[in-house]
């Protein structure tokens, strides 16, 4: 039986009250502060001032805890909008926002299917908005938008982590590697790349995400309107 269906233990007169909600909240706080490596049943139990074995009455182990954490964050991913395009855009942007608020989420998105109540509620809102679309197209469309959003946020989070590790933001990176690129482009071996790097508009992360999303949604609209 999945954790979503398994009842919690009955209340017991113990010094520290416990529930799955409290366990998950503590785990999310640990992950938000120090990443997934900071999350263990022992550390969660310490935060809650209980013995680690007490947690096993509520969850089977760390994998279930991670599933519960992801679903808890899905409560923040609530697609809104009137039409399917607005709802899909909202899904992508809400996913991105949640991953930036909870950086560890980027490491867990895109794995096994998320079947918790909050994830299912999000999926229901998206699929309902696609009600007029051919039923055989619905899931590939949703999968495409999810793949775009997850890929984009993983790249952004990886860049953020690299910046923290090296102390080099985009401007410092450009200053350090710019001369190398100039020398390389001066050889004439990469004319197309040189033109783009020198002449194209350089978008920030928000603009890049939204422009790419527009390209994807335009393609979906063209496909389903055939």
N, C-alpha and C. Protein backbone atom coordinates (compact mmCIF):
# COMPACT_ATOMS: atom_id res chain seq x y z
N UNK A 1 0.85 -1.19 0.00
CA UNK A 1 0.00 0.00 0.00
C UNK A 1 0.88 1.25 0.00
N UNK A 2 0.59 2.18 -0.90
CA UNK A 2 1.38 3.40 -0.98
C UNK A 2 1.14 4.28 0.24
N UNK A 3 2.10 5.14 0.51
CA UNK A 3 2.02 5.99 1.70
C UNK A 3 0.79 6.87 1.68
N UNK A 4 0.33 7.23 0.48
CA UNK A 4 -0.84 8.11 0.38
C UNK A 4 -2.11 7.42 0.90
N UNK A 5 -2.14 6.08 0.86
CA UNK A 5 -3.32 5.32 1.28
C UNK A 5 -3.18 4.75 2.69
N UNK A 6 -1.96 4.70 3.20
CA UNK A 6 -1.72 4.05 4.48
C UNK A 6 -2.08 5.00 5.62
N UNK A 7 -2.93 4.59 6.54
CA UNK A 7 -3.31 5.49 7.64
C UNK A 7 -2.14 5.75 8.58
N UNK A 8 -2.15 6.91 9.20
CA UNK A 8 -1.13 7.23 10.19
C UNK A 8 -1.46 6.52 11.50
N UNK A 9 -0.45 6.33 12.35
CA UNK A 9 -0.72 5.74 13.67
C UNK A 9 -1.69 6.61 14.47
N UNK A 10 -2.42 5.97 15.35
CA UNK A 10 -3.33 6.73 16.21
C UNK A 10 -2.52 7.58 17.18
N UNK A 11 -3.12 8.65 17.65
CA UNK A 11 -2.44 9.54 18.58
C UNK A 11 -2.09 8.80 19.87
N UNK A 12 -0.89 9.10 20.37
CA UNK A 12 -0.45 8.48 21.62
C UNK A 12 0.02 9.56 22.58
N UNK A 13 -0.16 9.36 23.84
CA UNK A 13 0.26 10.37 24.83
C UNK A 13 1.77 10.35 25.01
N UNK A 14 2.47 11.01 24.09
CA UNK A 14 3.93 11.06 24.17
C UNK A 14 4.34 12.52 24.28
N UNK A 15 5.56 12.78 24.73
CA UNK A 15 5.99 14.17 24.93
C UNK A 15 5.93 15.02 23.67
N UNK A 16 6.31 14.45 22.51
CA UNK A 16 6.35 15.24 21.28
C UNK A 16 5.32 14.71 20.29
N UNK A 17 4.28 15.47 20.00
CA UNK A 17 3.28 15.01 19.02
C UNK A 17 3.92 14.87 17.65
N UNK A 18 3.40 13.94 16.85
CA UNK A 18 4.02 13.64 15.58
C UNK A 18 2.94 13.39 14.53
N UNK A 19 3.27 13.70 13.28
CA UNK A 19 2.39 13.44 12.15
C UNK A 19 3.24 13.44 10.89
N UNK A 20 2.71 12.89 9.82
CA UNK A 20 3.45 12.94 8.56
C UNK A 20 3.68 14.38 8.14
N UNK A 21 2.71 15.22 8.37
CA UNK A 21 2.86 16.63 7.98
C UNK A 21 4.03 17.27 8.69
N UNK A 22 4.18 17.03 9.99
CA UNK A 22 5.29 17.60 10.74
C UNK A 22 6.62 17.02 10.28
N UNK A 23 6.64 15.72 9.99
CA UNK A 23 7.86 15.09 9.52
C UNK A 23 8.29 15.70 8.19
N UNK A 24 7.35 15.85 7.28
CA UNK A 24 7.67 16.38 5.95
C UNK A 24 8.09 17.84 6.05
N UNK A 25 7.42 18.61 6.88
CA UNK A 25 7.78 20.02 7.03
C UNK A 25 9.21 20.16 7.54
N UNK A 26 9.58 19.32 8.50
CA UNK A 26 10.95 19.36 9.03
C UNK A 26 11.96 18.97 7.96
N UNK A 27 11.63 17.95 7.17
CA UNK A 27 12.55 17.50 6.12
C UNK A 27 12.72 18.59 5.06
N UNK A 28 11.64 19.25 4.68
CA UNK A 28 11.72 20.31 3.68
C UNK A 28 12.58 21.46 4.20
N UNK A 29 12.43 21.79 5.46
CA UNK A 29 13.25 22.86 6.04
C UNK A 29 14.73 22.50 6.01
N UNK A 30 15.06 21.25 6.32
CA UNK A 30 16.45 20.81 6.25
C UNK A 30 16.98 20.90 4.83
N UNK A 31 16.17 20.42 3.87
CA UNK A 31 16.61 20.43 2.47
C UNK A 31 16.75 21.85 1.94
N UNK A 32 15.83 22.72 2.31
CA UNK A 32 15.91 24.12 1.87
C UNK A 32 17.18 24.78 2.38
N UNK A 33 17.56 24.44 3.58
CA UNK A 33 18.73 25.07 4.19
C UNK A 33 20.04 24.50 3.66
N UNK A 34 20.12 23.16 3.51
CA UNK A 34 21.43 22.55 3.23
C UNK A 34 21.40 21.47 2.16
N UNK A 35 20.32 21.36 1.40
CA UNK A 35 20.26 20.38 0.32
C UNK A 35 19.81 19.00 0.77
N UNK A 36 19.64 18.11 -0.19
CA UNK A 36 19.13 16.77 0.11
C UNK A 36 20.07 15.96 0.98
N UNK A 37 21.37 16.25 0.89
CA UNK A 37 22.32 15.51 1.72
C UNK A 37 22.07 15.74 3.21
N UNK A 38 21.38 16.82 3.53
CA UNK A 38 21.10 17.13 4.94
C UNK A 38 19.88 16.39 5.46
N UNK A 39 19.18 15.69 4.57
CA UNK A 39 17.94 15.02 4.97
C UNK A 39 18.21 13.56 5.28
N UNK A 40 17.99 13.18 6.51
CA UNK A 40 18.03 11.79 6.93
C UNK A 40 16.98 11.63 8.02
N UNK A 41 16.57 10.41 8.24
CA UNK A 41 15.57 10.20 9.29
C UNK A 41 16.12 10.60 10.65
N UNK A 42 17.40 10.38 10.85
CA UNK A 42 17.99 10.76 12.12
C UNK A 42 17.94 12.27 12.32
N UNK A 43 18.30 13.02 11.29
CA UNK A 43 18.31 14.48 11.42
C UNK A 43 16.89 15.03 11.54
N UNK A 44 15.96 14.44 10.82
CA UNK A 44 14.56 14.88 10.96
C UNK A 44 14.07 14.61 12.37
N UNK A 45 14.40 13.45 12.89
CA UNK A 45 13.98 13.11 14.26
C UNK A 45 14.59 14.09 15.27
N UNK A 46 15.82 14.49 15.03
CA UNK A 46 16.46 15.45 15.93
C UNK A 46 15.73 16.78 15.91
N UNK A 47 15.36 17.24 14.74
CA UNK A 47 14.61 18.50 14.62
C UNK A 47 13.29 18.41 15.38
N UNK A 48 12.66 17.25 15.30
CA UNK A 48 11.34 17.07 15.93
C UNK A 48 11.45 16.63 17.39
N UNK A 49 12.67 16.42 17.86
CA UNK A 49 12.90 16.02 19.25
C UNK A 49 12.21 14.70 19.58
N UNK A 50 12.37 13.74 18.66
CA UNK A 50 11.84 12.39 18.89
C UNK A 50 12.93 11.39 18.54
N UNK A 51 12.72 10.14 18.89
CA UNK A 51 13.66 9.09 18.52
C UNK A 51 13.42 8.70 17.07
N UNK A 52 14.47 8.40 16.30
CA UNK A 52 14.30 8.06 14.88
C UNK A 52 13.32 6.93 14.64
N UNK A 53 13.28 5.93 15.52
CA UNK A 53 12.39 4.80 15.30
C UNK A 53 10.92 5.20 15.28
N UNK A 54 10.60 6.32 15.92
CA UNK A 54 9.20 6.75 15.92
C UNK A 54 8.74 7.13 14.51
N UNK A 55 9.68 7.58 13.68
CA UNK A 55 9.30 8.00 12.33
C UNK A 55 8.80 6.82 11.50
N UNK A 56 9.28 5.62 11.80
CA UNK A 56 8.91 4.46 11.00
C UNK A 56 7.45 4.07 11.18
N UNK A 57 6.78 4.63 12.15
CA UNK A 57 5.35 4.42 12.24
C UNK A 57 4.58 5.22 11.20
N UNK A 58 5.25 6.21 10.62
CA UNK A 58 4.60 7.12 9.67
C UNK A 58 5.11 6.95 8.25
N UNK A 59 6.37 6.58 8.09
CA UNK A 59 6.97 6.37 6.78
C UNK A 59 7.85 5.13 6.82
N UNK A 60 8.02 4.49 5.66
CA UNK A 60 8.82 3.26 5.60
C UNK A 60 10.32 3.54 5.51
N UNK A 61 10.68 4.72 5.05
CA UNK A 61 12.09 5.04 4.90
C UNK A 61 12.28 6.33 4.15
N UNK A 62 13.52 6.60 3.77
CA UNK A 62 13.85 7.88 3.15
C UNK A 62 13.18 8.06 1.80
N UNK A 63 13.03 6.98 1.01
CA UNK A 63 12.41 7.12 -0.30
C UNK A 63 10.98 7.63 -0.18
N UNK A 64 10.24 7.10 0.78
CA UNK A 64 8.88 7.61 1.01
C UNK A 64 8.91 9.06 1.47
N UNK A 65 9.89 9.38 2.30
CA UNK A 65 10.00 10.75 2.77
C UNK A 65 10.24 11.70 1.60
N UNK A 66 11.11 11.31 0.67
CA UNK A 66 11.36 12.15 -0.49
C UNK A 66 10.11 12.32 -1.34
N UNK A 67 9.35 11.23 -1.51
CA UNK A 67 8.09 11.34 -2.25
C UNK A 67 7.14 12.32 -1.58
N UNK A 68 7.06 12.26 -0.27
CA UNK A 68 6.18 13.16 0.48
C UNK A 68 6.66 14.61 0.37
N UNK A 69 7.97 14.80 0.38
CA UNK A 69 8.52 16.15 0.24
C UNK A 69 8.18 16.75 -1.12
N UNK A 70 8.36 15.96 -2.18
CA UNK A 70 8.05 16.44 -3.52
C UNK A 70 6.57 16.78 -3.62
N UNK A 71 5.72 15.93 -3.07
CA UNK A 71 4.29 16.22 -3.16
C UNK A 71 3.92 17.46 -2.36
N UNK A 72 4.58 17.65 -1.23
CA UNK A 72 4.32 18.86 -0.44
C UNK A 72 4.61 20.11 -1.26
N UNK A 73 5.70 20.10 -2.03
CA UNK A 73 6.04 21.25 -2.86
C UNK A 73 5.07 21.39 -4.04
N UNK A 74 4.51 20.27 -4.49
CA UNK A 74 3.51 20.35 -5.56
C UNK A 74 2.29 21.16 -5.14
N UNK A 75 2.10 21.34 -3.85
CA UNK A 75 1.01 22.21 -3.40
C UNK A 75 1.24 23.64 -3.88
N UNK A 76 2.50 23.99 -4.19
CA UNK A 76 2.83 25.32 -4.69
C UNK A 76 2.74 25.40 -6.21
N UNK A 77 2.57 24.26 -6.87
CA UNK A 77 2.49 24.22 -8.33
C UNK A 77 1.03 24.07 -8.71
N UNK A 78 0.33 25.18 -8.77
CA UNK A 78 -1.09 25.17 -9.06
C UNK A 78 -1.34 25.92 -10.37
N UNK A 79 -1.43 25.20 -11.48
CA UNK A 79 -1.64 25.87 -12.77
C UNK A 79 -2.96 26.62 -12.80
N UNK A 80 -2.95 27.80 -13.38
CA UNK A 80 -4.14 28.63 -13.49
C UNK A 80 -4.25 29.15 -14.92
N UNK A 81 -5.44 29.64 -15.26
CA UNK A 81 -5.63 30.22 -16.58
C UNK A 81 -6.92 29.74 -17.20
N UNK A 82 -7.34 30.43 -18.25
CA UNK A 82 -8.60 30.09 -18.88
C UNK A 82 -8.49 29.04 -19.96
N UNK A 83 -7.48 29.12 -20.79
CA UNK A 83 -7.32 28.18 -21.89
C UNK A 83 -6.13 27.27 -21.67
N UNK A 84 -5.99 26.28 -22.57
CA UNK A 84 -4.93 25.28 -22.37
C UNK A 84 -3.55 25.92 -22.44
N UNK A 85 -3.36 26.93 -23.31
CA UNK A 85 -2.05 27.55 -23.44
C UNK A 85 -1.67 28.27 -22.16
N UNK A 86 -2.63 29.00 -21.57
CA UNK A 86 -2.34 29.72 -20.33
C UNK A 86 -2.05 28.76 -19.19
N UNK A 87 -2.78 27.64 -19.16
CA UNK A 87 -2.57 26.67 -18.09
C UNK A 87 -1.21 25.99 -18.23
N UNK A 88 -0.83 25.64 -19.45
CA UNK A 88 0.48 25.02 -19.65
C UNK A 88 1.61 25.99 -19.32
N UNK A 89 1.44 27.26 -19.70
CA UNK A 89 2.44 28.26 -19.33
C UNK A 89 2.53 28.38 -17.81
N UNK A 90 1.38 28.41 -17.16
CA UNK A 90 1.36 28.52 -15.70
C UNK A 90 2.04 27.32 -15.06
N UNK A 91 1.81 26.12 -15.61
CA UNK A 91 2.45 24.91 -15.09
C UNK A 91 3.97 25.03 -15.16
N UNK A 92 4.48 25.45 -16.31
CA UNK A 92 5.93 25.57 -16.48
C UNK A 92 6.51 26.62 -15.55
N UNK A 93 5.86 27.77 -15.46
CA UNK A 93 6.40 28.85 -14.64
C UNK A 93 6.29 28.52 -13.15
N UNK A 94 5.21 27.85 -12.74
CA UNK A 94 5.07 27.47 -11.34
C UNK A 94 6.09 26.41 -10.95
N UNK A 95 6.37 25.49 -11.88
CA UNK A 95 7.39 24.48 -11.62
C UNK A 95 8.75 25.14 -11.44
N UNK A 96 9.06 26.09 -12.32
CA UNK A 96 10.33 26.81 -12.23
C UNK A 96 10.43 27.58 -10.91
N UNK A 97 9.37 28.26 -10.55
CA UNK A 97 9.38 29.05 -9.31
C UNK A 97 9.59 28.13 -8.10
N UNK A 98 8.90 27.00 -8.08
CA UNK A 98 9.03 26.07 -6.95
C UNK A 98 10.46 25.54 -6.85
N UNK A 99 11.08 25.25 -8.00
CA UNK A 99 12.45 24.74 -7.97
C UNK A 99 13.44 25.80 -7.51
N UNK A 100 13.17 27.06 -7.80
CA UNK A 100 14.06 28.12 -7.32
C UNK A 100 13.85 28.36 -5.82
N UNK A 101 12.64 28.15 -5.34
CA UNK A 101 12.37 28.29 -3.90
C UNK A 101 12.92 27.10 -3.13
N UNK A 102 12.89 25.93 -3.74
CA UNK A 102 13.35 24.69 -3.10
C UNK A 102 14.35 24.04 -4.07
N UNK A 103 15.60 24.47 -4.00
CA UNK A 103 16.60 24.08 -5.00
C UNK A 103 16.73 22.57 -5.13
N UNK A 104 16.57 21.84 -4.06
CA UNK A 104 16.69 20.39 -4.07
C UNK A 104 15.65 19.73 -4.96
N UNK A 105 14.54 20.41 -5.23
CA UNK A 105 13.48 19.83 -6.05
C UNK A 105 13.99 19.50 -7.44
N UNK A 106 14.94 20.29 -7.94
CA UNK A 106 15.47 20.05 -9.28
C UNK A 106 16.11 18.67 -9.39
N UNK A 107 16.60 18.13 -8.28
CA UNK A 107 17.24 16.81 -8.29
C UNK A 107 16.23 15.67 -8.28
N UNK A 108 14.98 15.97 -7.97
CA UNK A 108 13.97 14.91 -7.82
C UNK A 108 12.89 14.95 -8.90
N UNK A 109 12.77 16.07 -9.61
CA UNK A 109 11.77 16.14 -10.66
C UNK A 109 12.17 15.27 -11.84
N UNK A 110 11.17 14.70 -12.49
CA UNK A 110 11.43 13.94 -13.70
C UNK A 110 11.78 12.49 -13.47
N UNK A 111 11.72 12.02 -12.24
CA UNK A 111 11.98 10.62 -11.96
C UNK A 111 10.71 9.80 -12.08
N UNK A 112 10.45 8.98 -11.09
CA UNK A 112 9.25 8.16 -11.15
C UNK A 112 8.01 9.03 -11.04
N UNK A 113 6.85 8.54 -11.51
CA UNK A 113 5.63 9.36 -11.49
C UNK A 113 5.28 9.82 -10.08
N UNK A 114 4.82 11.06 -9.99
CA UNK A 114 4.39 11.61 -8.71
C UNK A 114 2.88 11.38 -8.55
N UNK A 115 2.53 10.60 -7.54
CA UNK A 115 1.14 10.17 -7.38
C UNK A 115 0.50 10.70 -6.11
N UNK A 116 1.15 11.65 -5.44
CA UNK A 116 0.56 12.22 -4.24
C UNK A 116 -0.61 13.12 -4.56
N UNK A 117 -1.41 13.46 -3.58
CA UNK A 117 -2.63 14.24 -3.81
C UNK A 117 -2.38 15.61 -4.43
N UNK A 118 -1.32 16.29 -4.03
CA UNK A 118 -1.05 17.61 -4.61
C UNK A 118 -0.59 17.51 -6.06
N UNK A 119 0.23 16.51 -6.36
CA UNK A 119 0.68 16.31 -7.74
C UNK A 119 -0.50 15.91 -8.62
N UNK A 120 -1.38 15.07 -8.11
CA UNK A 120 -2.55 14.67 -8.89
C UNK A 120 -3.50 15.84 -9.12
N UNK A 121 -3.63 16.72 -8.12
CA UNK A 121 -4.48 17.90 -8.29
C UNK A 121 -3.92 18.82 -9.37
N UNK A 122 -2.61 18.97 -9.40
CA UNK A 122 -1.98 19.78 -10.44
C UNK A 122 -2.21 19.15 -11.81
N UNK A 123 -2.01 17.84 -11.89
CA UNK A 123 -2.24 17.15 -13.16
C UNK A 123 -3.67 17.23 -13.62
N UNK A 124 -4.60 17.14 -12.69
CA UNK A 124 -6.02 17.24 -13.03
C UNK A 124 -6.35 18.59 -13.64
N UNK A 125 -5.80 19.66 -13.06
CA UNK A 125 -6.06 21.01 -13.59
C UNK A 125 -5.53 21.16 -15.00
N UNK A 126 -4.36 20.59 -15.26
CA UNK A 126 -3.76 20.71 -16.59
C UNK A 126 -4.54 19.89 -17.61
N UNK A 127 -4.84 18.64 -17.27
CA UNK A 127 -5.56 17.78 -18.21
C UNK A 127 -6.96 18.31 -18.48
N UNK A 128 -7.62 18.85 -17.46
CA UNK A 128 -8.96 19.42 -17.66
C UNK A 128 -8.92 20.59 -18.64
N UNK A 129 -7.83 21.39 -18.58
CA UNK A 129 -7.70 22.53 -19.50
C UNK A 129 -7.50 22.06 -20.94
N UNK A 130 -7.02 20.84 -21.10
CA UNK A 130 -6.81 20.28 -22.44
C UNK A 130 -7.99 19.42 -22.88
N UNK A 131 -9.14 19.67 -22.30
CA UNK A 131 -10.31 18.83 -22.56
C UNK A 131 -10.75 18.78 -24.00
N UNK A 132 -10.50 19.84 -24.77
CA UNK A 132 -10.92 19.87 -26.18
C UNK A 132 -9.86 19.30 -27.12
N UNK A 133 -8.72 18.91 -26.56
CA UNK A 133 -7.64 18.36 -27.37
C UNK A 133 -7.81 16.85 -27.49
N UNK A 134 -7.43 16.30 -28.63
CA UNK A 134 -7.51 14.85 -28.85
C UNK A 134 -6.88 14.12 -27.66
N UNK A 135 -7.59 13.17 -27.11
CA UNK A 135 -7.16 12.50 -25.89
C UNK A 135 -5.78 11.83 -26.05
N UNK A 136 -5.47 11.38 -27.29
CA UNK A 136 -4.19 10.73 -27.52
C UNK A 136 -3.02 11.71 -27.50
N UNK A 137 -3.32 13.01 -27.59
CA UNK A 137 -2.28 14.03 -27.64
C UNK A 137 -2.02 14.63 -26.27
N UNK A 138 -2.97 14.49 -25.36
CA UNK A 138 -2.90 15.18 -24.07
C UNK A 138 -1.61 14.88 -23.32
N UNK A 139 -1.33 13.61 -23.08
CA UNK A 139 -0.17 13.27 -22.27
C UNK A 139 1.15 13.62 -22.94
N UNK A 140 1.32 13.42 -24.27
CA UNK A 140 2.56 13.90 -24.90
C UNK A 140 2.74 15.41 -24.78
N UNK A 141 1.65 16.17 -24.85
CA UNK A 141 1.74 17.63 -24.70
C UNK A 141 2.21 17.99 -23.29
N UNK A 142 1.59 17.40 -22.30
CA UNK A 142 1.97 17.69 -20.91
C UNK A 142 3.40 17.24 -20.66
N UNK A 143 3.77 16.09 -21.19
CA UNK A 143 5.14 15.59 -21.01
C UNK A 143 6.15 16.54 -21.65
N UNK A 144 5.81 17.10 -22.80
CA UNK A 144 6.74 18.02 -23.48
C UNK A 144 6.96 19.28 -22.64
N UNK A 145 5.88 19.82 -22.08
CA UNK A 145 6.01 21.03 -21.27
C UNK A 145 6.78 20.73 -19.99
N UNK A 146 6.48 19.60 -19.37
CA UNK A 146 7.22 19.22 -18.16
C UNK A 146 8.70 19.02 -18.45
N UNK A 147 9.00 18.36 -19.58
CA UNK A 147 10.40 18.13 -19.94
C UNK A 147 11.12 19.45 -20.16
N UNK A 148 10.45 20.40 -20.81
CA UNK A 148 11.08 21.70 -21.03
C UNK A 148 11.35 22.40 -19.69
N UNK A 149 10.33 22.45 -18.83
CA UNK A 149 10.47 23.16 -17.56
C UNK A 149 11.55 22.50 -16.69
N UNK A 150 11.53 21.18 -16.61
CA UNK A 150 12.50 20.48 -15.77
C UNK A 150 13.92 20.67 -16.30
N UNK A 151 14.09 20.55 -17.61
CA UNK A 151 15.41 20.75 -18.19
C UNK A 151 15.94 22.15 -17.97
N UNK A 152 15.04 23.14 -18.12
CA UNK A 152 15.46 24.53 -17.94
C UNK A 152 15.86 24.80 -16.50
N UNK A 153 15.05 24.33 -15.55
CA UNK A 153 15.37 24.65 -14.16
C UNK A 153 16.61 23.88 -13.70
N UNK A 154 16.83 22.69 -14.21
CA UNK A 154 18.05 21.97 -13.84
C UNK A 154 19.28 22.71 -14.33
N UNK A 155 19.21 23.28 -15.54
CA UNK A 155 20.33 24.06 -16.05
C UNK A 155 20.54 25.29 -15.18
N UNK A 156 19.47 25.97 -14.83
CA UNK A 156 19.59 27.18 -14.02
C UNK A 156 20.14 26.88 -12.63
N UNK A 157 19.66 25.80 -12.03
CA UNK A 157 20.15 25.42 -10.70
C UNK A 157 21.61 25.00 -10.78
N UNK A 158 21.98 24.28 -11.85
CA UNK A 158 23.39 23.89 -12.01
C UNK A 158 24.27 25.13 -12.13
N UNK A 159 23.81 26.14 -12.86
CA UNK A 159 24.58 27.37 -12.99
C UNK A 159 24.69 28.08 -11.64
N UNK A 160 23.61 28.08 -10.88
CA UNK A 160 23.63 28.72 -9.56
C UNK A 160 24.63 28.02 -8.65
N UNK A 161 24.61 26.69 -8.68
CA UNK A 161 25.54 25.93 -7.83
C UNK A 161 26.98 26.15 -8.26
N UNK A 162 27.22 26.20 -9.57
CA UNK A 162 28.58 26.44 -10.06
C UNK A 162 29.07 27.82 -9.63
N UNK A 163 28.17 28.79 -9.67
CA UNK A 163 28.54 30.14 -9.25
C UNK A 163 28.93 30.16 -7.78
N UNK A 164 28.17 29.44 -6.96
CA UNK A 164 28.50 29.38 -5.53
C UNK A 164 29.83 28.67 -5.31
N UNK A 165 30.06 27.61 -6.08
CA UNK A 165 31.28 26.81 -5.88
C UNK A 165 32.53 27.55 -6.33
N UNK A 166 32.42 28.32 -7.41
CA UNK A 166 33.59 28.97 -7.99
C UNK A 166 33.70 30.44 -7.62
N UNK A 167 32.59 31.04 -7.19
CA UNK A 167 32.58 32.47 -6.93
C UNK A 167 32.53 33.30 -8.20
N UNK A 168 32.25 32.65 -9.34
CA UNK A 168 32.23 33.36 -10.62
C UNK A 168 30.80 33.51 -11.11
N UNK A 169 30.30 34.76 -11.11
CA UNK A 169 29.00 35.00 -11.71
C UNK A 169 29.19 35.17 -13.22
N UNK A 170 28.10 35.50 -13.94
CA UNK A 170 28.18 35.56 -15.39
C UNK A 170 29.18 36.61 -15.87
N UNK A 171 29.21 37.76 -15.21
CA UNK A 171 30.14 38.81 -15.63
C UNK A 171 31.59 38.38 -15.44
N UNK A 172 31.87 37.72 -14.31
CA UNK A 172 33.25 37.26 -14.08
C UNK A 172 33.62 36.16 -15.06
N UNK A 173 32.65 35.29 -15.37
CA UNK A 173 32.90 34.22 -16.33
C UNK A 173 33.23 34.82 -17.69
N UNK A 174 32.46 35.83 -18.10
CA UNK A 174 32.71 36.48 -19.39
C UNK A 174 34.08 37.15 -19.41
N UNK A 175 34.43 37.80 -18.30
CA UNK A 175 35.73 38.47 -18.24
C UNK A 175 36.87 37.46 -18.32
N UNK A 176 36.68 36.29 -17.70
CA UNK A 176 37.74 35.29 -17.67
C UNK A 176 37.90 34.56 -19.00
N UNK A 177 36.76 34.25 -19.65
CA UNK A 177 36.79 33.43 -20.85
C UNK A 177 36.62 34.22 -22.13
N UNK A 178 36.24 35.50 -22.02
CA UNK A 178 36.04 36.32 -23.20
C UNK A 178 37.25 36.37 -24.11
N UNK A 179 38.44 36.63 -23.59
CA UNK A 179 39.63 36.69 -24.46
C UNK A 179 39.87 35.39 -25.21
N UNK A 180 39.62 34.25 -24.56
CA UNK A 180 39.79 32.97 -25.25
C UNK A 180 38.84 32.86 -26.43
N UNK A 181 37.57 33.24 -26.21
CA UNK A 181 36.60 33.16 -27.30
C UNK A 181 36.97 34.11 -28.44
N UNK A 182 37.43 35.30 -28.09
CA UNK A 182 37.83 36.24 -29.13
C UNK A 182 38.96 35.67 -29.98
N UNK A 183 39.96 35.07 -29.33
CA UNK A 183 41.07 34.47 -30.08
C UNK A 183 40.58 33.31 -30.95
N UNK A 184 39.67 32.51 -30.39
CA UNK A 184 39.17 31.36 -31.14
C UNK A 184 38.34 31.80 -32.34
N UNK A 185 37.45 32.79 -32.13
CA UNK A 185 36.62 33.26 -33.24
C UNK A 185 37.46 33.96 -34.31
N UNK A 186 38.58 34.56 -33.90
CA UNK A 186 39.45 35.25 -34.87
C UNK A 186 40.07 34.29 -35.87
N UNK A 187 40.06 32.99 -35.57
CA UNK A 187 40.61 32.01 -36.51
C UNK A 187 39.69 31.81 -37.71
N UNK A 188 38.43 32.23 -37.58
CA UNK A 188 37.49 32.04 -38.68
C UNK A 188 36.90 30.66 -38.77
N UNK A 189 37.18 29.80 -37.82
CA UNK A 189 36.69 28.41 -37.87
C UNK A 189 35.23 28.28 -37.43
N UNK A 190 34.73 29.27 -36.69
CA UNK A 190 33.38 29.17 -36.15
C UNK A 190 32.58 30.44 -36.46
N UNK A 191 32.35 30.73 -37.72
CA UNK A 191 31.71 32.00 -38.08
C UNK A 191 30.28 32.13 -37.59
N UNK A 192 29.52 31.05 -37.62
CA UNK A 192 28.12 31.13 -37.17
C UNK A 192 28.05 31.43 -35.68
N UNK A 193 28.86 30.72 -34.90
CA UNK A 193 28.89 30.96 -33.46
C UNK A 193 29.36 32.37 -33.16
N UNK A 194 30.36 32.83 -33.87
CA UNK A 194 30.90 34.17 -33.64
C UNK A 194 29.84 35.23 -33.87
N UNK A 195 29.03 35.05 -34.93
CA UNK A 195 27.98 36.01 -35.22
C UNK A 195 26.94 36.06 -34.11
N UNK A 196 26.55 34.89 -33.64
CA UNK A 196 25.53 34.83 -32.59
C UNK A 196 26.06 35.46 -31.30
N UNK A 197 27.27 35.09 -30.91
CA UNK A 197 27.83 35.59 -29.65
C UNK A 197 28.01 37.10 -29.71
N UNK A 198 28.45 37.61 -30.84
CA UNK A 198 28.75 39.04 -30.93
C UNK A 198 27.51 39.90 -31.20
N UNK A 199 26.58 39.40 -32.01
CA UNK A 199 25.51 40.25 -32.53
C UNK A 199 24.13 39.98 -31.96
N UNK A 200 23.87 38.77 -31.49
CA UNK A 200 22.52 38.44 -31.03
C UNK A 200 22.24 39.08 -29.67
N UNK A 201 20.95 39.31 -29.40
CA UNK A 201 20.55 39.83 -28.09
C UNK A 201 20.85 38.79 -27.02
N UNK A 202 21.39 39.22 -25.91
CA UNK A 202 21.70 38.32 -24.81
C UNK A 202 20.61 38.44 -23.76
N UNK A 203 19.78 37.41 -23.67
CA UNK A 203 18.63 37.41 -22.79
C UNK A 203 19.03 36.96 -21.39
N UNK A 204 18.32 37.50 -20.40
CA UNK A 204 18.55 37.01 -19.04
C UNK A 204 17.80 35.70 -18.85
N UNK A 205 17.91 35.11 -17.66
CA UNK A 205 17.33 33.78 -17.43
C UNK A 205 15.82 33.78 -17.60
N UNK A 206 15.14 34.81 -17.10
CA UNK A 206 13.69 34.87 -17.23
C UNK A 206 13.28 34.96 -18.69
N UNK A 207 13.94 35.83 -19.44
CA UNK A 207 13.61 36.00 -20.86
C UNK A 207 13.91 34.72 -21.65
N UNK A 208 15.02 34.09 -21.32
CA UNK A 208 15.36 32.85 -22.02
C UNK A 208 14.31 31.79 -21.78
N UNK A 209 13.88 31.64 -20.52
CA UNK A 209 12.87 30.62 -20.19
C UNK A 209 11.57 30.90 -20.92
N UNK A 210 11.11 32.14 -20.89
CA UNK A 210 9.81 32.45 -21.48
C UNK A 210 9.83 32.41 -22.99
N UNK A 211 10.96 32.79 -23.59
CA UNK A 211 11.07 32.71 -25.04
C UNK A 211 11.05 31.26 -25.51
N UNK A 212 11.82 30.42 -24.84
CA UNK A 212 11.82 29.00 -25.18
C UNK A 212 10.46 28.37 -24.99
N UNK A 213 9.77 28.77 -23.93
CA UNK A 213 8.43 28.24 -23.67
C UNK A 213 7.46 28.68 -24.77
N UNK A 214 7.59 29.92 -25.23
CA UNK A 214 6.76 30.39 -26.34
C UNK A 214 6.99 29.54 -27.59
N UNK A 215 8.26 29.25 -27.88
CA UNK A 215 8.56 28.40 -29.04
C UNK A 215 7.84 27.06 -28.92
N UNK A 216 7.91 26.46 -27.74
CA UNK A 216 7.29 25.16 -27.52
C UNK A 216 5.77 25.24 -27.65
N UNK A 217 5.16 26.24 -27.01
CA UNK A 217 3.70 26.36 -27.06
C UNK A 217 3.22 26.67 -28.47
N UNK A 218 3.99 27.48 -29.21
CA UNK A 218 3.63 27.75 -30.61
C UNK A 218 3.62 26.45 -31.42
N UNK A 219 4.61 25.60 -31.19
CA UNK A 219 4.67 24.33 -31.90
C UNK A 219 3.52 23.43 -31.53
N UNK A 220 3.17 23.38 -30.24
CA UNK A 220 2.04 22.57 -29.79
C UNK A 220 0.75 23.06 -30.43
N UNK A 221 0.58 24.40 -30.44
CA UNK A 221 -0.64 24.97 -31.02
C UNK A 221 -0.76 24.64 -32.50
N UNK A 222 0.36 24.73 -33.22
CA UNK A 222 0.34 24.43 -34.64
C UNK A 222 -0.01 22.95 -34.87
N UNK A 223 0.51 22.09 -34.01
CA UNK A 223 0.28 20.65 -34.17
C UNK A 223 -1.18 20.27 -33.88
N UNK A 224 -1.73 20.78 -32.78
CA UNK A 224 -3.07 20.35 -32.40
C UNK A 224 -4.16 21.04 -33.20
N UNK A 225 -3.81 22.12 -33.91
CA UNK A 225 -4.82 22.83 -34.71
C UNK A 225 -4.92 22.28 -36.12
N UNK A 226 -4.11 21.28 -36.45
CA UNK A 226 -4.18 20.70 -37.79
C UNK A 226 -5.54 20.06 -38.04
